[in-house]
All heavy atoms as atom14 arrays in JSON, in Angstrom:
{
  "sequence": "RQSVLDNVRIGGHARSRSDFVSDMLHLPWVRREEEALDTTVWRL",
  "atom14_mask": [
    [1, 1, 1, 1, 1, 1, 1, 1, 1, 1, 1, 0, 0, 0],
    [1, 1, 1, 1, 1, 1, 1, 1, 1, 0, 0, 0, 0, 0],
    [1, 1, 1, 1, 1, 1, 0, 0, 0, 0, 0, 0, 0, 0],
    [1, 1, 1, 1, 1, 1, 1, 0, 0, 0, 0, 0, 0, 0],
    [1, 1, 1, 1, 1, 1, 1, 1, 0, 0, 0, 0, 0, 0],
    [1, 1, 1, 1, 1, 1, 1, 1, 0, 0, 0, 0, 0, 0],
    [1, 1, 1, 1, 1, 1, 1, 1, 0, 0, 0, 0, 0, 0],
    [1, 1, 1, 1, 1, 1, 1, 0, 0, 0, 0, 0, 0, 0],
    [1, 1, 1, 1, 1, 1, 1, 1, 1, 1, 1, 0, 0, 0],
    [1, 1, 1, 1, 1, 1, 1, 1, 0, 0, 0, 0, 0, 0],
    [1, 1, 1, 1, 0, 0, 0, 0, 0, 0, 0, 0, 0, 0],
    [1, 1, 1, 1, 0, 0, 0, 0, 0, 0, 0, 0, 0, 0],
    [1, 1, 1, 1, 1, 1, 1, 1, 1, 1, 0, 0, 0, 0],
    [1, 1, 1, 1, 1, 0, 0, 0, 0, 0, 0, 0, 0, 0],
    [1, 1, 1, 1, 1, 1, 1, 1, 1, 1, 1, 0, 0, 0],
    [1, 1, 1, 1, 1, 1, 0, 0, 0, 0, 0, 0, 0, 0],
    [1, 1, 1, 1, 1, 1, 1, 1, 1, 1, 1, 0, 0, 0],
    [1, 1, 1, 1, 1, 1, 0, 0, 0, 0, 0, 0, 0, 0],
    [1, 1, 1, 1, 1, 1, 1, 1, 0, 0, 0, 0, 0, 0],
    [1, 1, 1, 1, 1, 1, 1, 1, 1, 1, 1, 0, 0, 0],
    [1, 1, 1, 1, 1, 1, 1, 0, 0, 0, 0, 0, 0, 0],
    [1, 1, 1, 1, 1, 1, 0, 0, 0, 0, 0, 0, 0, 0],
    [1, 1, 1, 1, 1, 1, 1, 1, 0, 0, 0, 0, 0, 0],
    [1, 1, 1, 1, 1, 1, 1, 1, 0, 0, 0, 0, 0, 0],
    [1, 1, 1, 1, 1, 1, 1, 1, 0, 0, 0, 0, 0, 0],
    [1, 1, 1, 1, 1, 1, 1, 1, 1, 1, 0, 0, 0, 0],
    [1, 1, 1, 1, 1, 1, 1, 1, 0, 0, 0, 0, 0, 0],
    [1, 1, 1, 1, 1, 1, 1, 0, 0, 0, 0, 0, 0, 0],
    [1, 1, 1, 1, 1, 1, 1, 1, 1, 1, 1, 1, 1, 1],
    [1, 1, 1, 1, 1, 1, 1, 0, 0, 0, 0, 0, 0, 0],
    [1, 1, 1, 1, 1, 1, 1, 1, 1, 1, 1, 0, 0, 0],
    [1, 1, 1, 1, 1, 1, 1, 1, 1, 1, 1, 0, 0, 0],
    [1, 1, 1, 1, 1, 1, 1, 1, 1, 0, 0, 0, 0, 0],
    [1, 1, 1, 1, 1, 1, 1, 1, 1, 0, 0, 0, 0, 0],
    [1, 1, 1, 1, 1, 1, 1, 1, 1, 0, 0, 0, 0, 0],
    [1, 1, 1, 1, 1, 0, 0, 0, 0, 0, 0, 0, 0, 0],
    [1, 1, 1, 1, 1, 1, 1, 1, 0, 0, 0, 0, 0, 0],
    [1, 1, 1, 1, 1, 1, 1, 1, 0, 0, 0, 0, 0, 0],
    [1, 1, 1, 1, 1, 1, 1, 0, 0, 0, 0, 0, 0, 0],
    [1, 1, 1, 1, 1, 1, 1, 0, 0, 0, 0, 0, 0, 0],
    [1, 1, 1, 1, 1, 1, 1, 0, 0, 0, 0, 0, 0, 0],
    [1, 1, 1, 1, 1, 1, 1, 1, 1, 1, 1, 1, 1, 1],
    [1, 1, 1, 1, 1, 1, 1, 1, 1, 1, 1, 0, 0, 0],
    [1, 1, 1, 1, 1, 1, 1, 1, 0, 0, 0, 0, 0, 0]
  ],
  "atom14_positions": [
    [[84.53, -39.0, 18.52], [83.67, -38.15, 19.35], [84.32, -36.83, 19.72], [83.77, -36.06, 20.51], [83.26, -38.91, 20.61], [82.42, -40.15, 20.3], [81.88, -40.78, 21.56], [81.03, -41.93, 21.27], [80.39, -42.65, 22.18], [80.49, -42.31, 23.46], [79.65, -43.67, 21.83], [0.0, 0.0, 0.0], [0.0, 0.0, 0.0], [0.0, 0.0, 0.0]],
    [[85.49, -36.57, 19.16], [86.17, -35.3, 19.38], [86.12, -34.49, 18.1], [86.18, -35.02, 16.99], [87.64, -35.54, 19.78], [87.82, -36.36, 21.04], [87.45, -35.57, 22.28], [87.55, -34.35, 22.32], [86.99, -36.28, 23.32], [0.0, 0.0, 0.0], [0.0, 0.0, 0.0], [0.0, 0.0, 0.0], [0.0, 0.0, 0.0], [0.0, 0.0, 0.0]],
    [[85.99, -33.18, 18.22], [85.96, -32.31, 17.05], [87.29, -32.35, 16.31], [88.31, -32.83, 16.84], [85.65, -30.88, 17.47], [86.74, -30.34, 18.19], [0.0, 0.0, 0.0], [0.0, 0.0, 0.0], [0.0, 0.0, 0.0], [0.0, 0.0, 0.0], [0.0, 0.0, 0.0], [0.0, 0.0, 0.0], [0.0, 0.0, 0.0], [0.0, 0.0, 0.0]],
    [[87.29, -31.83, 15.1], [88.54, -31.69, 14.35], [89.55, -30.89, 15.17], [90.72, -31.27, 15.29], [88.26, -31.01, 13.0], [89.57, -30.56, 12.33], [87.48, -31.94, 12.08], [0.0, 0.0, 0.0], [0.0, 0.0, 0.0], [0.0, 0.0, 0.0], [0.0, 0.0, 0.0], [0.0, 0.0, 0.0], [0.0, 0.0, 0.0], [0.0, 0.0, 0.0]],
    [[89.1, -29.8, 15.76], [89.98, -28.96, 16.57], [90.61, -29.76, 17.7], [91.82, -29.69, 17.94], [89.18, -27.78, 17.14], [89.9, -26.85, 18.11], [91.05, -26.14, 17.43], [88.92, -25.85, 18.72], [0.0, 0.0, 0.0], [0.0, 0.0, 0.0], [0.0, 0.0, 0.0], [0.0, 0.0, 0.0], [0.0, 0.0, 0.0], [0.0, 0.0, 0.0]],
    [[89.8, -30.53, 18.42], [90.32, -31.3, 19.55], [91.22, -32.45, 19.1], [92.18, -32.79, 19.8], [89.17, -31.82, 20.41], [88.51, -30.72, 21.22], [89.16, -29.69, 21.46], [87.33, -30.89, 21.6], [0.0, 0.0, 0.0], [0.0, 0.0, 0.0], [0.0, 0.0, 0.0], [0.0, 0.0, 0.0], [0.0, 0.0, 0.0], [0.0, 0.0, 0.0]],
    [[90.91, -33.06, 17.96], [91.8, -34.09, 17.43], [93.19, -33.54, 17.19], [94.19, -34.18, 17.54], [91.23, -34.67, 16.13], [90.4, -35.91, 16.34], [90.92, -37.02, 16.42], [89.08, -35.72, 16.44], [0.0, 0.0, 0.0], [0.0, 0.0, 0.0], [0.0, 0.0, 0.0], [0.0, 0.0, 0.0], [0.0, 0.0, 0.0], [0.0, 0.0, 0.0]],
    [[93.26, -32.35, 16.59], [94.56, -31.75, 16.31], [95.25, -31.34, 17.6], [96.45, -31.54, 17.79], [94.41, -30.55, 15.35], [95.76, -29.89, 15.09], [93.78, -31.01, 14.03], [0.0, 0.0, 0.0], [0.0, 0.0, 0.0], [0.0, 0.0, 0.0], [0.0, 0.0, 0.0], [0.0, 0.0, 0.0], [0.0, 0.0, 0.0], [0.0, 0.0, 0.0]],
    [[94.48, -30.8, 18.54], [95.05, -30.38, 19.82], [95.66, -31.57, 20.57], [96.7, -31.44, 21.22], [93.96, -29.72, 20.68], [94.5, -28.99, 21.9], [93.38, -28.66, 22.86], [92.33, -27.88, 22.2], [92.36, -26.56, 22.08], [93.37, -25.88, 22.58], [91.35, -25.92, 21.48], [0.0, 0.0, 0.0], [0.0, 0.0, 0.0], [0.0, 0.0, 0.0]],
    [[95.01, -32.73, 20.49], [95.53, -33.93, 21.16], [96.93, -34.26, 20.66], [97.79, -34.68, 21.43], [94.56, -35.11, 20.94], [93.3, -34.91, 21.79], [95.23, -36.45, 21.28], [92.17, -35.86, 21.45], [0.0, 0.0, 0.0], [0.0, 0.0, 0.0], [0.0, 0.0, 0.0], [0.0, 0.0, 0.0], [0.0, 0.0, 0.0], [0.0, 0.0, 0.0]],
    [[97.16, -34.05, 19.36], [98.51, -34.29, 18.83], [99.55, -33.43, 19.51], [100.66, -33.89, 19.81], [0.0, 0.0, 0.0], [0.0, 0.0, 0.0], [0.0, 0.0, 0.0], [0.0, 0.0, 0.0], [0.0, 0.0, 0.0], [0.0, 0.0, 0.0], [0.0, 0.0, 0.0], [0.0, 0.0, 0.0], [0.0, 0.0, 0.0], [0.0, 0.0, 0.0]],
    [[99.21, -32.19, 19.78], [100.16, -31.29, 20.43], [100.48, -31.69, 21.85], [101.57, -31.41, 22.36], [0.0, 0.0, 0.0], [0.0, 0.0, 0.0], [0.0, 0.0, 0.0], [0.0, 0.0, 0.0], [0.0, 0.0, 0.0], [0.0, 0.0, 0.0], [0.0, 0.0, 0.0], [0.0, 0.0, 0.0], [0.0, 0.0, 0.0], [0.0, 0.0, 0.0]],
    [[99.56, -32.36, 22.52], [99.8, -32.78, 23.9], [100.88, -33.86, 24.0], [101.39, -34.11, 25.09], [98.5, -33.27, 24.53], [97.56, -32.15, 24.87], [96.2, -32.29, 24.87], [97.79, -30.84, 25.2], [95.62, -31.14, 25.19], [96.57, -30.25, 25.39], [0.0, 0.0, 0.0], [0.0, 0.0, 0.0], [0.0, 0.0, 0.0], [0.0, 0.0, 0.0]],
    [[101.21, -34.49, 22.88], [102.26, -35.51, 22.91], [103.61, -34.92, 23.29], [104.48, -35.63, 23.79], [102.37, -36.19, 21.54], [0.0, 0.0, 0.0], [0.0, 0.0, 0.0], [0.0, 0.0, 0.0], [0.0, 0.0, 0.0], [0.0, 0.0, 0.0], [0.0, 0.0, 0.0], [0.0, 0.0, 0.0], [0.0, 0.0, 0.0], [0.0, 0.0, 0.0]],
    [[103.79, -33.61, 23.06], [105.05, -32.96, 23.41], [104.91, -32.04, 24.61], [105.82, -31.28, 24.93], [105.56, -32.14, 22.21], [105.9, -32.96, 20.98], [107.18, -33.76, 21.15], [108.34, -32.9, 21.23], [109.03, -32.5, 20.17], [108.68, -32.85, 18.96], [110.1, -31.74, 20.32], [0.0, 0.0, 0.0], [0.0, 0.0, 0.0], [0.0, 0.0, 0.0]],
    [[103.78, -32.13, 25.32], [103.55, -31.26, 26.47], [104.4, -31.67, 27.67], [104.64, -32.86, 27.89], [102.06, -31.3, 26.86], [101.84, -30.61, 28.07], [0.0, 0.0, 0.0], [0.0, 0.0, 0.0], [0.0, 0.0, 0.0], [0.0, 0.0, 0.0], [0.0, 0.0, 0.0], [0.0, 0.0, 0.0], [0.0, 0.0, 0.0], [0.0, 0.0, 0.0]],
    [[104.82, -30.69, 28.46], [105.58, -30.97, 29.68], [104.7, -31.0, 30.92], [105.16, -31.28, 32.02], [106.67, -29.9, 29.88], [107.73, -29.87, 28.8], [108.8, -28.82, 29.1], [108.25, -27.47, 29.11], [108.2, -26.69, 30.19], [108.63, -27.12, 31.35], [107.71, -25.46, 30.11], [0.0, 0.0, 0.0], [0.0, 0.0, 0.0], [0.0, 0.0, 0.0]],
    [[103.41, -30.7, 30.76], [102.54, -30.6, 31.93], [102.17, -31.97, 32.46], [102.29, -32.99, 31.78], [101.27, -29.82, 31.57], [100.51, -30.52, 30.61], [0.0, 0.0, 0.0], [0.0, 0.0, 0.0], [0.0, 0.0, 0.0], [0.0, 0.0, 0.0], [0.0, 0.0, 0.0], [0.0, 0.0, 0.0], [0.0, 0.0, 0.0], [0.0, 0.0, 0.0]],
    [[101.7, -31.99, 33.72], [101.24, -33.21, 34.34], [99.93, -32.91, 35.09], [99.43, -31.77, 35.05], [102.29, -33.79, 35.28], [102.8, -32.78, 36.29], [101.99, -31.9, 36.71], [103.98, -32.84, 36.68], [0.0, 0.0, 0.0], [0.0, 0.0, 0.0], [0.0, 0.0, 0.0], [0.0, 0.0, 0.0], [0.0, 0.0, 0.0], [0.0, 0.0, 0.0]],
    [[99.39, -33.89, 35.77], [98.08, -33.72, 36.42], [98.1, -32.58, 37.44], [97.21, -31.73, 37.45], [97.67, -35.03, 37.1], [96.39, -34.91, 37.88], [95.16, -34.88, 37.22], [96.4, -34.81, 39.26], [93.97, -34.76, 37.93], [95.22, -34.68, 39.98], [94.0, -34.67, 39.31], [0.0, 0.0, 0.0], [0.0, 0.0, 0.0], [0.0, 0.0, 0.0]],
    [[99.14, -32.54, 38.28], [99.21, -31.52, 39.33], [99.36, -30.13, 38.72], [98.68, -29.17, 39.12], [100.36, -31.82, 40.31], [100.51, -30.68, 41.32], [100.11, -33.14, 41.04], [0.0, 0.0, 0.0], [0.0, 0.0, 0.0], [0.0, 0.0, 0.0], [0.0, 0.0, 0.0], [0.0, 0.0, 0.0], [0.0, 0.0, 0.0], [0.0, 0.0, 0.0]],
    [[100.26, -30.01, 37.74], [100.47, -28.71, 37.08], [99.19, -28.21, 36.42], [98.85, -27.03, 36.49], [101.59, -28.82, 36.04], [102.8, -29.23, 36.65], [0.0, 0.0, 0.0], [0.0, 0.0, 0.0], [0.0, 0.0, 0.0], [0.0, 0.0, 0.0], [0.0, 0.0, 0.0], [0.0, 0.0, 0.0], [0.0, 0.0, 0.0], [0.0, 0.0, 0.0]],
    [[98.48, -29.15, 35.74], [97.23, -28.76, 35.09], [96.19, -28.33, 36.13], [95.45, -27.36, 35.92], [96.68, -29.92, 34.26], [97.52, -30.18, 33.02], [98.29, -29.29, 32.63], [97.41, -31.28, 32.44], [0.0, 0.0, 0.0], [0.0, 0.0, 0.0], [0.0, 0.0, 0.0], [0.0, 0.0, 0.0], [0.0, 0.0, 0.0], [0.0, 0.0, 0.0]],
    [[96.1, -29.06, 37.24], [95.11, -28.76, 38.26], [95.37, -27.39, 38.88], [94.43, -26.62, 39.14], [95.15, -29.84, 39.35], [94.08, -29.66, 40.44], [94.13, -31.02, 41.63], [95.77, -30.8, 42.34], [0.0, 0.0, 0.0], [0.0, 0.0, 0.0], [0.0, 0.0, 0.0], [0.0, 0.0, 0.0], [0.0, 0.0, 0.0], [0.0, 0.0, 0.0]],
    [[96.65, -27.05, 39.09], [97.0, -25.75, 39.67], [97.0, -24.63, 38.64], [97.06, -23.46, 39.02], [98.38, -25.85, 40.33], [98.48, -26.81, 41.52], [99.93, -26.9, 42.0], [97.55, -26.37, 42.65], [0.0, 0.0, 0.0], [0.0, 0.0, 0.0], [0.0, 0.0, 0.0], [0.0, 0.0, 0.0], [0.0, 0.0, 0.0], [0.0, 0.0, 0.0]],
    [[96.94, -25.03, 37.37], [96.93, -24.06, 36.27], [98.08, -23.07, 36.42], [97.9, -21.84, 36.43], [95.58, -23.32, 36.22], [95.19, -22.92, 34.84], [95.23, -23.78, 33.76], [94.76, -21.73, 34.33], [94.83, -23.16, 32.67], [94.56, -21.91, 32.98], [0.0, 0.0, 0.0], [0.0, 0.0, 0.0], [0.0, 0.0, 0.0], [0.0, 0.0, 0.0]],
    [[99.28, -23.61, 36.54], [100.47, -22.8, 36.74], [100.73, -21.91, 35.52], [100.31, -22.23, 34.41], [101.67, -23.72, 36.98], [101.59, -24.59, 38.23], [102.79, -25.53, 38.31], [101.5, -23.74, 39.49], [0.0, 0.0, 0.0], [0.0, 0.0, 0.0], [0.0, 0.0, 0.0], [0.0, 0.0, 0.0], [0.0, 0.0, 0.0], [0.0, 0.0, 0.0]],
    [[101.41, -20.78, 35.74], [101.64, -19.84, 34.63], [102.3, -20.48, 33.41], [101.92, -20.19, 32.27], [102.52, -18.76, 35.26], [102.16, -18.8, 36.72], [101.9, -20.25, 37.02], [0.0, 0.0, 0.0], [0.0, 0.0, 0.0], [0.0, 0.0, 0.0], [0.0, 0.0, 0.0], [0.0, 0.0, 0.0], [0.0, 0.0, 0.0], [0.0, 0.0, 0.0]],
    [[103.31, -21.34, 33.63], [103.98, -21.94, 32.48], [103.06, -22.9, 31.73], [103.19, -23.06, 30.51], [105.28, -22.64, 32.92], [105.1, -23.89, 33.74], [105.11, -23.97, 35.1], [104.92, -25.22, 33.25], [104.93, -25.27, 35.5], [104.82, -26.06, 34.39], [104.83, -25.79, 31.99], [104.64, -27.44, 34.28], [104.65, -27.16, 31.88], [104.55, -27.96, 33.01]],
    [[102.09, -23.51, 32.44], [101.11, -24.37, 31.78], [100.2, -23.52, 30.89], [99.89, -23.9, 29.75], [100.29, -25.16, 32.81], [99.17, -25.94, 32.12], [101.19, -26.11, 33.59], [0.0, 0.0, 0.0], [0.0, 0.0, 0.0], [0.0, 0.0, 0.0], [0.0, 0.0, 0.0], [0.0, 0.0, 0.0], [0.0, 0.0, 0.0], [0.0, 0.0, 0.0]],
    [[99.77, -22.37, 31.4], [98.94, -21.47, 30.6], [99.67, -21.01, 29.34], [99.1, -20.96, 28.25], [98.49, -20.27, 31.42], [97.5, -20.62, 32.54], [96.79, -19.36, 33.05], [97.73, -18.39, 33.61], [98.13, -18.39, 34.88], [97.68, -19.31, 35.72], [98.97, -17.46, 35.32], [0.0, 0.0, 0.0], [0.0, 0.0, 0.0], [0.0, 0.0, 0.0]],
    [[100.95, -20.69, 29.5], [101.73, -20.25, 28.34], [101.86, -21.38, 27.32], [101.79, -21.15, 26.11], [103.12, -19.76, 28.78], [103.09, -18.43, 29.54], [104.49, -17.85, 29.66], [105.37, -18.71, 30.44], [105.51, -18.64, 31.78], [104.8, -17.75, 32.47], [106.35, -19.44, 32.4], [0.0, 0.0, 0.0], [0.0, 0.0, 0.0], [0.0, 0.0, 0.0]],
    [[102.05, -22.58, 27.82], [102.17, -23.74, 26.93], [100.88, -23.98, 26.17], [100.88, -24.26, 24.97], [102.56, -24.98, 27.73], [102.96, -26.17, 26.88], [103.48, -27.33, 27.72], [102.65, -28.01, 28.37], [104.7, -27.54, 27.76], [0.0, 0.0, 0.0], [0.0, 0.0, 0.0], [0.0, 0.0, 0.0], [0.0, 0.0, 0.0], [0.0, 0.0, 0.0]],
    [[99.74, -23.85, 26.85], [98.43, -24.05, 26.21], [98.16, -22.95, 25.18], [97.61, -23.23, 24.1], [97.33, -24.07, 27.27], [97.26, -25.35, 28.08], [96.92, -26.55, 27.22], [96.01, -26.44, 26.37], [97.57, -27.59, 27.37], [0.0, 0.0, 0.0], [0.0, 0.0, 0.0], [0.0, 0.0, 0.0], [0.0, 0.0, 0.0], [0.0, 0.0, 0.0]],
    [[98.55, -21.72, 25.49], [98.37, -20.63, 24.53], [99.21, -20.86, 23.28], [98.76, -20.62, 22.16], [98.73, -19.3, 25.2], [97.72, -18.85, 26.26], [98.23, -17.69, 27.09], [99.39, -17.24, 26.84], [97.5, -17.23, 27.99], [0.0, 0.0, 0.0], [0.0, 0.0, 0.0], [0.0, 0.0, 0.0], [0.0, 0.0, 0.0], [0.0, 0.0, 0.0]],
    [[100.44, -21.32, 23.48], [101.31, -21.61, 22.33], [100.74, -22.75, 21.5], [100.78, -22.71, 20.26], [102.72, -21.97, 22.82], [0.0, 0.0, 0.0], [0.0, 0.0, 0.0], [0.0, 0.0, 0.0], [0.0, 0.0, 0.0], [0.0, 0.0, 0.0], [0.0, 0.0, 0.0], [0.0, 0.0, 0.0], [0.0, 0.0, 0.0], [0.0, 0.0, 0.0]],
    [[100.17, -23.77, 22.18], [99.56, -24.88, 21.46], [98.36, -24.41, 20.65], [98.19, -24.81, 19.49], [99.14, -25.97, 22.44], [98.39, -27.18, 21.85], [99.22, -27.84, 20.76], [98.04, -28.18, 22.94], [0.0, 0.0, 0.0], [0.0, 0.0, 0.0], [0.0, 0.0, 0.0], [0.0, 0.0, 0.0], [0.0, 0.0, 0.0], [0.0, 0.0, 0.0]],
    [[97.52, -23.55, 21.24], [96.37, -23.02, 20.51], [96.81, -22.29, 19.25], [96.2, -22.45, 18.18], [95.57, -22.06, 21.4], [94.68, -22.8, 22.38], [94.43, -23.99, 22.17], [94.22, -22.16, 23.35], [0.0, 0.0, 0.0], [0.0, 0.0, 0.0], [0.0, 0.0, 0.0], [0.0, 0.0, 0.0], [0.0, 0.0, 0.0], [0.0, 0.0, 0.0]],
    [[97.87, -21.51, 19.36], [98.38, -20.79, 18.19], [98.83, -21.77, 17.11], [98.53, -21.6, 15.92], [99.55, -19.88, 18.6], [99.08, -18.92, 19.56], [100.12, -19.15, 17.39], [0.0, 0.0, 0.0], [0.0, 0.0, 0.0], [0.0, 0.0, 0.0], [0.0, 0.0, 0.0], [0.0, 0.0, 0.0], [0.0, 0.0, 0.0], [0.0, 0.0, 0.0]],
    [[99.55, -22.81, 17.53], [100.03, -23.83, 16.59], [98.87, -24.56, 15.92], [98.87, -24.77, 14.7], [100.94, -24.84, 17.31], [102.1, -24.16, 17.8], [101.37, -25.96, 16.38], [0.0, 0.0, 0.0], [0.0, 0.0, 0.0], [0.0, 0.0, 0.0], [0.0, 0.0, 0.0], [0.0, 0.0, 0.0], [0.0, 0.0, 0.0], [0.0, 0.0, 0.0]],
    [[97.88, -24.95, 16.72], [96.74, -25.71, 16.19], [95.99, -24.91, 15.14], [95.68, -25.42, 14.04], [95.81, -26.15, 17.34], [94.48, -26.65, 16.78], [96.47, -27.23, 18.17], [0.0, 0.0, 0.0], [0.0, 0.0, 0.0], [0.0, 0.0, 0.0], [0.0, 0.0, 0.0], [0.0, 0.0, 0.0], [0.0, 0.0, 0.0], [0.0, 0.0, 0.0]],
    [[95.69, -23.65, 15.42], [94.94, -22.85, 14.45], [95.78, -22.56, 13.21], [95.25, -22.5, 12.09], [94.45, -21.56, 15.1], [93.25, -21.8, 15.97], [93.21, -21.8, 17.33], [91.92, -22.1, 15.53], [91.94, -22.1, 17.77], [91.13, -22.27, 16.69], [91.33, -22.25, 14.27], [89.76, -22.58, 16.63], [89.98, -22.56, 14.2], [89.21, -22.71, 15.36]],
    [[97.09, -22.42, 13.38], [97.95, -22.22, 12.21], [97.91, -23.46, 11.31], [97.84, -23.34, 10.08], [99.39, -21.94, 12.66], [100.36, -21.68, 11.51], [101.76, -21.39, 12.0], [102.31, -22.51, 12.75], [102.83, -23.6, 12.18], [102.85, -23.72, 10.86], [103.34, -24.57, 12.91], [0.0, 0.0, 0.0], [0.0, 0.0, 0.0], [0.0, 0.0, 0.0]],
    [[97.94, -24.64, 11.92], [97.89, -25.88, 11.13], [96.53, -26.07, 10.48], [96.44, -26.55, 9.33], [98.23, -27.08, 12.02], [99.68, -27.15, 12.49], [99.84, -28.25, 13.53], [100.62, -27.39, 11.31], [0.0, 0.0, 0.0], [0.0, 0.0, 0.0], [0.0, 0.0, 0.0], [0.0, 0.0, 0.0], [0.0, 0.0, 0.0], [0.0, 0.0, 0.0]]
  ]
}
């Protein structure tokens, strides 16, 4: 039930350092991590 894009993105979350609180606050380092993951996912 997840798109191809989201399936690949889920793989990247296995190495993520974020947690529930960090995600909820949308801290700057979390945003940078998500942007880097997006770049990696589209490259793959």
